[in-house]
C-alpha atoms as a PDB file:
ATOM      1  CA  MET A   1       1.024 -23.529  14.485  1.00  0.00           C
ATOM      2  CA  PHE A   2       0.567 -21.165  11.545  1.00  0.00           C
ATOM      3  CA  PHE A   3       3.334 -20.661   9.026  1.00  0.00           C
ATOM      4  CA  GLY A   4       3.865 -19.611   5.436  1.00  0.00           C
ATOM      5  CA  GLU A   5       2.997 -16.695   3.218  1.00  0.00           C
ATOM      6  CA  THR A   6      -0.088 -16.271   1.053  1.00  0.00           C
ATOM      7  CA  ALA A   7      -0.697 -13.434  -1.406  1.00  0.00           C
ATOM      8  CA  ILE A   8      -4.365 -12.420  -1.231  1.00  0.00           C
ATOM      9  CA  ASN A   9      -6.566  -9.822  -2.920  1.00  0.00           C
ATOM     10  CA  LEU A  10      -9.000  -7.987  -0.688  1.00  0.00           C
ATOM     11  CA  ASP A  11     -12.406  -7.771  -2.296  1.00  0.00           C
ATOM     12  CA  SER A  12     -14.214  -4.464  -2.906  1.00  0.00           C
ATOM     13  CA  LYS A  13     -15.781  -4.660   0.589  1.00  0.00           C
ATOM     14  CA  GLY A  14     -12.436  -5.122   2.373  1.00  0.00           C
ATOM     15  CA  ARG A  15     -12.831  -8.844   2.982  1.00  0.00           C
ATOM     16  CA  LEU A  16      -9.945 -11.285   3.084  1.00  0.00           C
ATOM     17  CA  ALA A  17     -10.485 -14.951   2.188  1.00  0.00           C
ATOM     18  CA  MET A  18      -8.651 -17.145   4.699  1.00  0.00           C
ATOM     19  CA  PRO A  19      -6.642 -19.845   2.933  1.00  0.00           C
ATOM     20  CA  MET A  20      -8.258 -23.287   3.053  1.00  0.00           C
ATOM     21  CA  ARG A  21      -5.261 -24.827   4.828  1.00  0.00           C
ATOM     22  CA  TYR A  22      -5.966 -22.705   7.963  1.00  0.00           C
ATOM     23  CA  ARG A  23      -9.751 -22.844   8.132  1.00  0.00           C
ATOM     24  CA  GLU A  24     -10.092 -26.184   9.917  1.00  0.00           C
ATOM     25  CA  THR A  25      -7.411 -25.350  12.477  1.00  0.00           C
ATOM     26  CA  ILE A  26      -8.998 -21.986  13.256  1.00  0.00           C
ATOM     27  CA  GLN A  27     -12.369 -23.669  13.630  1.00  0.00           C
ATOM     28  CA  GLU A  28     -10.897 -26.256  16.031  1.00  0.00           C
ATOM     29  CA  LEU A  29      -8.949 -23.678  18.073  1.00  0.00           C
ATOM     30  CA  SER A  30     -11.606 -21.027  18.486  1.00  0.00           C
ATOM     31  CA  GLY A  31     -14.815 -22.019  16.776  1.00  0.00           C
ATOM     32  CA  GLY A  32     -13.792 -19.712  13.924  1.00  0.00           C
ATOM     33  CA  ARG A  33     -13.738 -16.647  16.186  1.00  0.00           C
ATOM     34  CA  MET A  34     -10.727 -14.392  15.689  1.00  0.00           C
ATOM     35  CA  VAL A  35      -9.496 -10.976  16.753  1.00  0.00           C
ATOM     36  CA  LEU A  36      -7.885  -8.441  14.470  1.00  0.00           C
ATOM     37  CA  THR A  37      -5.762  -5.557  15.759  1.00  0.00           C
ATOM     38  CA  TYR A  38      -2.782  -3.361  14.884  1.00  0.00           C
ATOM     39  CA  SER A  39       0.700  -4.791  14.846  1.00  0.00           C
ATOM     40  CA  ALA A  40       2.448  -4.024  18.114  1.00  0.00           C
ATOM     41  CA  PHE A  41       5.667  -3.098  16.307  1.00  0.00           C
ATOM     42  CA  ASP A  42       5.264  -2.496  12.573  1.00  0.00           C
ATOM     43  CA  THR A  43       3.458   0.142  10.552  1.00  0.00           C
ATOM     44  CA  GLY A  44       1.621  -1.340   7.589  1.00  0.00           C
ATOM     45  CA  ALA A  45       0.609  -4.557   9.328  1.00  0.00           C
ATOM     46  CA  LEU A  46      -2.212  -6.047  11.371  1.00  0.00           C
ATOM     47  CA  TYR A  47      -2.214  -8.997  13.766  1.00  0.00           C
ATOM     48  CA  LEU A  48      -4.934 -11.653  13.496  1.00  0.00           C
ATOM     49  CA  TYR A  49      -5.307 -14.029  16.457  1.00  0.00           C
ATOM     50  CA  PRO A  50      -7.547 -17.029  17.080  1.00  0.00           C
ATOM     51  CA  GLU A  51      -9.779 -15.891  19.947  1.00  0.00           C
ATOM     52  CA  ASN A  52      -8.203 -18.173  22.566  1.00  0.00           C
ATOM     53  CA  GLU A  53      -4.707 -16.895  21.816  1.00  0.00           C
ATOM     54  CA  TRP A  54      -5.980 -13.312  21.732  1.00  0.00           C
ATOM     55  CA  GLU A  55      -7.380 -13.702  25.241  1.00  0.00           C
ATOM     56  CA  ARG A  56      -3.917 -14.653  26.539  1.00  0.00           C
ATOM     57  CA  VAL A  57      -2.295 -11.652  24.782  1.00  0.00           C
ATOM     58  CA  ARG A  58      -5.082  -9.303  25.880  1.00  0.00           C
ATOM     59  CA  ASP A  59      -4.728 -10.379  29.519  1.00  0.00           C
ATOM     60  CA  GLU A  60      -0.954  -9.872  29.468  1.00  0.00           C
ATOM     61  CA  VAL A  61      -1.212  -6.440  27.885  1.00  0.00           C
ATOM     62  CA  THR A  62      -4.052  -5.193  30.092  1.00  0.00           C
ATOM     63  CA  GLY A  63      -2.145  -6.499  33.108  1.00  0.00           C
ATOM     64  CA  LEU A  64       0.622  -3.961  32.518  1.00  0.00           C
ATOM     65  CA  SER A  65       0.661  -0.922  34.809  1.00  0.00           C
ATOM     66  CA  THR A  66      -1.164   2.048  33.311  1.00  0.00           C
ATOM     67  CA  PHE A  67       1.199   4.396  35.146  1.00  0.00           C
ATOM     68  CA  ASN A  68       3.753   3.742  32.396  1.00  0.00           C
ATOM     69  CA  PRO A  69       3.039   5.775  29.207  1.00  0.00           C
ATOM     70  CA  GLY A  70       4.528   3.024  27.020  1.00  0.00           C
ATOM     71  CA  HIS A  71       2.169   0.480  28.543  1.00  0.00           C
ATOM     72  CA  ARG A  72      -0.832   2.714  27.919  1.00  0.00           C
ATOM     73  CA  SER A  73       0.238   3.189  24.307  1.00  0.00           C
ATOM     74  CA  LEU A  74       0.551  -0.575  23.764  1.00  0.00           C
ATOM     75  CA  GLN A  75      -2.819  -1.150  25.451  1.00  0.00           C
ATOM     76  CA  ARG A  76      -4.504   1.396  23.157  1.00  0.00           C
ATOM     77  CA  LYS A  77      -2.818  -0.002  20.073  1.00  0.00           C
ATOM     78  CA  LEU A  78      -3.578  -3.678  20.713  1.00  0.00           C
ATOM     79  CA  VAL A  79      -6.623  -3.853  22.984  1.00  0.00           C
ATOM     80  CA  GLY A  80      -8.355  -0.545  22.314  1.00  0.00           C
ATOM     81  CA  SER A  81      -8.267  -1.026  18.554  1.00  0.00           C
ATOM     82  CA  ALA A  82      -9.131  -4.732  18.452  1.00  0.00           C
ATOM     83  CA  SER A  83     -12.082  -6.053  16.469  1.00  0.00           C
ATOM     84  CA  ALA A  84     -13.742  -9.445  16.744  1.00  0.00           C
ATOM     85  CA  VAL A  85     -14.077 -11.135  13.344  1.00  0.00           C
ATOM     86  CA  GLU A  86     -15.560 -14.409  12.207  1.00  0.00           C
ATOM     87  CA  PRO A  87     -15.345 -15.966   8.751  1.00  0.00           C
ATOM     88  CA  ASP A  88     -18.513 -15.906   6.662  1.00  0.00           C
ATOM     89  CA  GLY A  89     -19.781 -18.984   4.811  1.00  0.00           C
ATOM     90  CA  ASN A  90     -17.071 -18.472   2.179  1.00  0.00           C
ATOM     91  CA  GLY A  91     -14.229 -18.203   4.701  1.00  0.00           C
ATOM     92  CA  ARG A  92     -13.857 -14.435   4.328  1.00  0.00           C
ATOM     93  CA  ILE A  93     -13.217 -12.075   7.213  1.00  0.00           C
ATOM     94  CA  GLN A  94     -14.214  -8.412   7.104  1.00  0.00           C
ATOM     95  CA  ILE A  95     -11.339  -6.062   7.889  1.00  0.00           C
ATOM     96  CA  PRO A  96     -12.778  -2.866   9.398  1.00  0.00           C
ATOM     97  CA  GLN A  97     -12.110   0.250   7.349  1.00  0.00           C
ATOM     98  CA  THR A  98     -10.234   2.003  10.169  1.00  0.00           C
ATOM     99  CA  LEU A  99      -7.776  -0.873  10.469  1.00  0.00           C
ATOM    100  CA  ARG A 100      -7.367  -1.063   6.663  1.00  0.00           C
ATOM    101  CA  GLN A 101      -6.672   2.660   6.463  1.00  0.00           C
ATOM    102  CA  VAL A 102      -4.099   2.832   9.241  1.00  0.00           C
ATOM    103  CA  ALA A 103      -2.263  -0.268   7.965  1.00  0.00           C
ATOM    104  CA  GLY A 104      -2.471   0.967   4.357  1.00  0.00           C
ATOM    105  CA  LEU A 105      -4.182  -2.203   3.179  1.00  0.00           C
ATOM    106  CA  GLU A 106      -5.461  -1.893  -0.327  1.00  0.00           C
ATOM    107  CA  LYS A 107      -6.061  -4.581  -2.964  1.00  0.00           C
ATOM    108  CA  ARG A 108      -2.912  -6.730  -2.584  1.00  0.00           C
ATOM    109  CA  VAL A 109      -2.048  -8.052   0.870  1.00  0.00           C
ATOM    110  CA  ALA A 110       0.220 -10.750   2.229  1.00  0.00           C
ATOM    111  CA  LEU A 111      -0.945 -13.094   5.011  1.00  0.00           C
ATOM    112  CA  LEU A 112       1.949 -14.474   7.043  1.00  0.00           C
ATOM    113  CA  GLY A 113       1.509 -17.395   9.443  1.00  0.00           C
ATOM    114  CA  MET A 114       3.617 -16.485  12.479  1.00  0.00           C
ATOM    115  CA  GLY A 115       3.136 -19.400  14.865  1.00  0.00           C
ATOM    116  CA  ASN A 116       0.294 -18.433  17.191  1.00  0.00           C
ATOM    117  CA  ARG A 117      -1.030 -15.560  15.042  1.00  0.00           C
ATOM    118  CA  PHE A 118      -1.113 -14.145  11.533  1.00  0.00           C
ATOM    119  CA  GLU A 119       0.265 -10.892  10.215  1.00  0.00           C
ATOM    120  CA  ILE A 120      -1.589  -9.127   7.411  1.00  0.00           C
ATOM    121  CA  TRP A 121       0.592  -6.732   5.424  1.00  0.00           C
ATOM    122  CA  ASN A 122       0.227  -4.282   2.630  1.00  0.00           C
ATOM    123  CA  GLU A 123       2.236  -6.206   0.022  1.00  0.00           C
ATOM    124  CA  ASP A 124       4.350  -3.199  -1.078  1.00  0.00           C
ATOM    125  CA  ILE A 125       5.177  -2.200   2.517  1.00  0.00           C
ATOM    126  CA  LEU A 126       6.207  -5.784   3.329  1.00  0.00           C
ATOM    127  CA  ASN A 127       8.505  -5.887   0.292  1.00  0.00           C
ATOM    128  CA  GLN A 128      10.094  -2.560   1.294  1.00  0.00           C
ATOM    129  CA  LYS A 129      10.562  -3.787   4.868  1.00  0.00           C
ATOM    130  CA  ARG A 130      12.201  -6.988   3.649  1.00  0.00           C
ATOM    131  CA  ALA A 131      14.636  -5.032   1.487  1.00  0.00           C
ATOM    132  CA  GLU A 132      15.537  -2.766   4.441  1.00  0.00           C
ATOM    133  CA  GLU A 133      15.967  -5.744   6.776  1.00  0.00           C
ATOM    134  CA  GLU A 134      18.154  -7.565   4.257  1.00  0.00           C
ATOM    135  CA  ARG A 135      20.457  -4.555   3.994  1.00  0.00           C
ATOM    136  CA  SER A 136      20.812  -4.286   7.755  1.00  0.00           C
ATOM    137  CA  LEU A 137      20.685  -7.950   8.845  1.00  0.00           C
ATOM    138  CA  ASP A 138      24.382  -8.170   9.749  1.00  0.00           C
ATOM    139  CA  GLU A 139      24.097  -5.068  11.920  1.00  0.00           C
ATOM    140  CA  ALA A 140      20.804  -6.142  13.520  1.00  0.00           C
ATOM    141  CA  ALA A 141      21.834  -9.717  14.392  1.00  0.00           C
ATOM    142  CA  SER A 142      21.546 -10.246  18.146  1.00  0.00           C
ATOM    143  CA  GLU A 143      23.754 -12.618  20.081  1.00  0.00           C
ATOM    144  CA  GLU A 144      20.850 -15.091  20.168  1.00  0.00           C
ATOM    145  CA  MET A 145      20.492 -14.934  16.372  1.00  0.00           C
ATOM    146  CA  THR A 146      24.205 -15.658  15.806  1.00  0.00           C
ATOM    147  CA  ARG A 147      23.813 -18.966  17.646  1.00  0.00           C
ATOM    148  CA  LEU A 148      20.935 -20.177  15.442  1.00  0.00           C
ATOM    149  CA  VAL A 149      21.575 -23.073  13.081  1.00  0.00           C
ATOM    150  CA  LEU A 150      19.220 -22.579  10.138  1.00  0.00           C
END
């Protein structure tokens, strides 16, 4: 289970150093193999999955009927744009330039542990999104959210 936020600088080659606290777990779960793709829902973010979790997501998404245009769009976004990545000897993963460009990833990024996956955000976009969400939280609260005890 991944959780927490880490501010990270991408190096000049577009590599992200995975925090030490996750490296052993990723190695145990998937032999270090991971898959990087676009966020299914948010502009300015990427999803990073351990390979075994990615395979489950990939199978669910590719199992959707291609007769539905929304399904095809999700399949292109998640599966068609996915890249296999593996940490180098220093624990860095290479983020392909196309994914960096579309997500707007530059020097400063935020890595969020989100349970079974990570989200990688442009730090400025994430801060803007948080401000927007904070302003609209009361309006956006679902019935399920109102029952949460936090």
